[in-house]
N, C-alpha and C. Protein backbone atom coordinates (compact mmCIF):
# COMPACT_ATOMS: atom_id res chain seq x y z
N MET A 1 0.94 -1.28 0.12
CA MET A 1 0.21 0.13 0.04
C MET A 1 1.01 1.29 -0.13
N LYS A 2 0.52 2.45 -0.68
CA LYS A 2 1.13 3.50 -1.15
C LYS A 2 0.72 4.45 0.12
N ILE A 3 1.20 5.50 0.89
CA ILE A 3 1.34 6.26 2.28
C ILE A 3 1.79 7.23 1.77
N ILE A 4 0.83 8.06 2.20
CA ILE A 4 1.40 9.56 2.02
C ILE A 4 1.63 10.32 3.57
N ALA A 5 2.73 11.21 3.95
CA ALA A 5 3.10 11.69 5.19
C ALA A 5 3.00 13.09 4.71
N ARG A 6 2.45 14.01 5.44
CA ARG A 6 2.43 15.20 5.39
C ARG A 6 2.74 16.04 6.21
N ASN A 7 2.60 17.28 6.17
CA ASN A 7 3.27 18.32 7.01
C ASN A 7 4.38 17.88 8.37
N LEU A 8 5.38 17.18 7.32
CA LEU A 8 6.80 16.87 8.02
C LEU A 8 7.42 18.24 8.07
N SER A 9 8.05 17.80 9.42
CA SER A 9 9.13 19.10 9.33
C SER A 9 9.94 19.18 8.17
N ARG A 10 10.63 20.43 7.73
CA ARG A 10 11.45 20.39 6.94
C ARG A 10 12.73 20.03 6.83
N GLU A 11 12.94 19.78 8.22
CA GLU A 11 14.64 19.18 8.60
C GLU A 11 14.25 17.62 8.75
N THR A 12 13.20 17.18 8.45
CA THR A 12 13.24 15.54 8.60
C THR A 12 14.02 15.26 7.31
N THR A 13 15.09 14.24 7.62
CA THR A 13 15.63 13.40 6.34
C THR A 13 14.40 12.46 6.13
N GLU A 14 14.93 11.79 4.75
CA GLU A 14 14.29 10.61 4.13
C GLU A 14 14.90 9.38 5.13
N GLU A 15 15.87 9.14 5.78
CA GLU A 15 16.34 8.36 6.81
C GLU A 15 15.42 8.07 7.82
N GLU A 16 14.86 9.27 8.68
CA GLU A 16 14.43 9.54 9.71
C GLU A 16 13.09 9.25 9.53
N LEU A 17 12.49 9.17 8.04
CA LEU A 17 10.99 9.08 7.71
C LEU A 17 10.90 7.44 7.56
N LYS A 18 12.06 6.88 6.76
CA LYS A 18 11.99 5.62 6.55
C LYS A 18 11.90 4.72 8.19
N ALA A 19 12.78 5.26 9.03
CA ALA A 19 13.00 4.48 10.19
C ALA A 19 11.85 4.66 10.92
N LEU A 20 10.86 6.10 11.08
CA LEU A 20 9.66 6.21 11.63
C LEU A 20 8.76 5.24 11.20
N PHE A 21 8.74 4.78 9.87
CA PHE A 21 7.42 3.96 9.24
C PHE A 21 7.79 2.29 9.42
N ALA A 22 9.38 1.99 9.23
CA ALA A 22 10.21 0.62 10.10
C ALA A 22 9.74 0.22 11.29
N GLU A 23 8.98 1.22 12.42
CA GLU A 23 8.72 0.90 13.92
C GLU A 23 7.72 -0.34 13.60
N PHE A 24 6.75 -0.22 12.12
CA PHE A 24 5.50 -0.93 12.15
C PHE A 24 5.71 -2.05 10.99
N GLY A 25 6.95 -2.11 10.26
CA GLY A 25 6.91 -3.16 9.33
C GLY A 25 8.09 -3.02 8.72
N VAL A 26 7.53 -3.64 7.39
CA VAL A 26 8.80 -3.64 6.43
C VAL A 26 8.24 -2.37 5.49
N VAL A 27 9.64 -1.22 5.32
CA VAL A 27 9.24 -0.34 4.11
C VAL A 27 10.05 -0.46 2.97
N GLN A 28 9.08 -0.86 2.10
CA GLN A 28 9.46 -1.39 0.47
C GLN A 28 10.09 -0.15 -0.40
N SER A 29 9.65 0.55 0.31
CA SER A 29 10.27 2.29 -0.28
C SER A 29 10.09 3.65 0.19
N CYS A 30 10.96 4.36 0.44
CA CYS A 30 10.42 5.66 0.63
C CYS A 30 10.98 6.77 0.03
N THR A 31 10.24 8.00 -0.31
CA THR A 31 10.81 8.83 -1.01
C THR A 31 10.29 10.22 -0.24
N LEU A 32 11.30 11.12 0.36
CA LEU A 32 10.76 12.54 0.57
C LEU A 32 10.82 13.50 -0.53
N VAL A 33 9.80 14.34 -0.69
CA VAL A 33 9.67 14.93 -2.07
C VAL A 33 10.64 16.27 -1.47
N MET A 34 11.22 16.73 -2.68
CA MET A 34 12.25 17.83 -2.60
C MET A 34 12.30 18.63 -3.64
N ASP A 35 12.15 20.29 -3.19
CA ASP A 35 12.39 21.29 -4.14
C ASP A 35 13.30 21.17 -4.97
N LYS A 36 12.73 21.17 -6.44
CA LYS A 36 14.24 21.15 -7.50
C LYS A 36 15.36 22.32 -7.11
N GLU A 37 14.62 23.52 -7.01
CA GLU A 37 15.47 24.56 -6.85
C GLU A 37 16.42 25.01 -5.79
N THR A 38 15.39 24.49 -4.54
CA THR A 38 16.24 24.68 -3.14
C THR A 38 16.97 23.40 -2.76
N GLY A 39 16.56 22.57 -3.17
CA GLY A 39 16.79 20.89 -3.22
C GLY A 39 16.47 20.77 -1.40
N LYS A 40 15.55 21.59 -0.68
CA LYS A 40 14.95 20.90 0.38
C LYS A 40 13.85 20.42 0.36
N SER A 41 13.42 20.10 1.41
CA SER A 41 12.07 19.13 1.73
C SER A 41 11.17 19.84 1.78
N LYS A 42 9.95 19.29 0.62
CA LYS A 42 8.81 20.02 0.62
C LYS A 42 7.44 20.02 1.66
N GLY A 43 8.19 18.88 2.56
CA GLY A 43 7.50 18.52 3.86
C GLY A 43 6.13 17.39 3.77
N PHE A 44 7.06 16.39 2.65
CA PHE A 44 5.57 15.29 2.34
C PHE A 44 6.44 14.27 1.53
N GLY A 45 5.99 12.87 2.27
CA GLY A 45 6.55 11.71 1.45
C GLY A 45 5.73 11.00 1.04
N PHE A 46 6.33 9.77 0.30
CA PHE A 46 5.45 8.46 0.00
C PHE A 46 6.46 7.33 0.87
N ILE A 47 5.52 6.36 1.06
CA ILE A 47 6.12 5.33 1.83
C ILE A 47 5.36 4.30 1.06
N GLU A 48 6.01 3.16 0.67
CA GLU A 48 5.26 1.86 0.54
C GLU A 48 5.55 0.57 1.36
N MET A 49 4.35 0.05 1.75
CA MET A 49 4.63 -0.85 2.92
C MET A 49 3.54 -1.98 2.39
N PRO A 50 3.64 -3.48 3.11
CA PRO A 50 2.39 -4.18 2.95
C PRO A 50 1.10 -4.22 3.56
N LEU A 51 0.10 -4.41 2.90
CA LEU A 51 -1.21 -3.81 3.53
C LEU A 51 -1.60 -3.62 5.02
N TYR A 52 -1.35 -4.78 5.71
CA TYR A 52 -1.70 -5.03 6.78
C TYR A 52 -0.83 -4.06 7.92
N GLU A 53 0.82 -4.12 7.60
CA GLU A 53 1.42 -2.75 8.53
C GLU A 53 1.34 -1.46 7.88
N ALA A 54 0.89 -1.33 6.81
CA ALA A 54 0.75 -0.03 6.36
C ALA A 54 -0.54 0.67 7.19
N ARG A 55 -1.59 0.07 7.22
CA ARG A 55 -2.91 0.42 7.89
C ARG A 55 -2.51 0.71 9.31
N THR A 56 -1.28 -0.32 10.07
CA THR A 56 -1.37 0.09 11.49
C THR A 56 -0.28 1.45 11.41
N ALA A 57 0.62 1.36 10.77
CA ALA A 57 1.15 2.61 10.38
C ALA A 57 0.52 4.40 10.32
N ILE A 58 -0.35 3.75 9.56
CA ILE A 58 -1.21 4.92 9.19
C ILE A 58 -2.14 5.03 10.75
N LYS A 59 -2.65 4.26 11.14
CA LYS A 59 -3.26 4.27 12.67
C LYS A 59 -2.63 4.79 13.36
N ARG A 60 -1.17 4.87 13.61
CA ARG A 60 -0.38 5.07 14.64
C ARG A 60 0.08 6.06 14.61
N LEU A 61 0.58 6.74 13.22
CA LEU A 61 1.13 7.85 13.11
C LEU A 61 0.74 9.29 12.92
N ASN A 62 -1.09 9.10 12.36
CA ASN A 62 -1.55 10.26 11.51
C ASN A 62 -1.78 11.04 12.91
N THR A 63 -1.86 12.04 12.90
CA THR A 63 -1.92 13.44 13.99
C THR A 63 -0.90 13.20 15.16
N LYS A 64 0.39 12.17 14.71
CA LYS A 64 1.63 12.43 15.85
C LYS A 64 2.23 13.52 15.59
N ARG A 65 2.49 14.03 16.96
CA ARG A 65 3.66 15.10 16.83
C ARG A 65 5.07 14.68 16.81
N ILE A 66 5.62 14.47 15.53
CA ILE A 66 7.23 14.31 14.86
C ILE A 66 7.66 15.86 14.79
N ALA A 67 9.05 15.48 15.37
CA ALA A 67 9.92 16.71 15.25
C ALA A 67 9.22 18.51 14.91
N GLY A 68 8.54 18.41 16.20
CA GLY A 68 7.86 19.71 16.28
C GLY A 68 6.71 19.89 15.33
N SER A 69 6.21 18.82 14.59
CA SER A 69 5.14 19.38 13.38
C SER A 69 3.89 17.85 13.80
N VAL A 70 2.56 18.35 13.70
CA VAL A 70 1.73 17.27 13.56
C VAL A 70 1.19 16.75 12.24
N ILE A 71 2.13 15.45 12.19
CA ILE A 71 1.90 14.79 10.93
C ILE A 71 0.81 14.51 10.36
N ARG A 72 0.60 14.02 9.10
CA ARG A 72 -0.93 13.89 8.44
C ARG A 72 -0.38 12.62 7.64
N VAL A 73 -1.11 11.28 8.01
CA VAL A 73 -0.79 10.08 7.46
C VAL A 73 -1.89 9.48 6.56
N LYS A 74 -2.03 9.03 5.46
CA LYS A 74 -3.02 8.40 4.94
C LYS A 74 -2.71 7.80 3.71
N GLU A 75 -3.83 6.83 3.11
CA GLU A 75 -3.32 6.14 2.48
C GLU A 75 -3.59 6.94 1.08
N ALA A 76 -2.45 7.08 -0.02
CA ALA A 76 -2.01 7.78 -1.03
C ALA A 76 -3.10 7.78 -2.12
N GLU A 77 -3.69 8.58 -2.89
CA GLU A 77 -4.57 8.21 -3.83
C GLU A 77 -3.81 8.16 -5.08
N GLU A 78 -4.31 6.87 -5.84
CA GLU A 78 -3.81 6.73 -7.18
C GLU A 78 -3.95 7.69 -8.28
N THR A 79 -3.11 8.34 -9.05
CA THR A 79 -3.17 9.46 -9.96
C THR A 79 -3.52 8.78 -11.49
N PRO A 80 -4.61 9.45 -12.21
CA PRO A 80 -4.94 8.47 -13.62
C PRO A 80 -3.81 8.84 -14.04
N LYS A 81 -3.14 7.81 -15.53
CA LYS A 81 -2.42 7.88 -15.89
C LYS A 81 -2.86 8.41 -17.31
């Protein structure tokens, strides 16, 4: 399942994001979205995990305060191709 994590601290690294979700199971992929011009985080990222583990991570992490920010975590919506 693909998850989106929003409202991340701009200082959060991709490694920290992966470690946060790894507490709930196998992280198949983790991508922190970066601004092309500044090279800094845009404050959101995508994580892929097996279904059951992803649902647990969403339930436990949504609205949790991480690095001073209350993060939003939910299933990512598929974009039409």
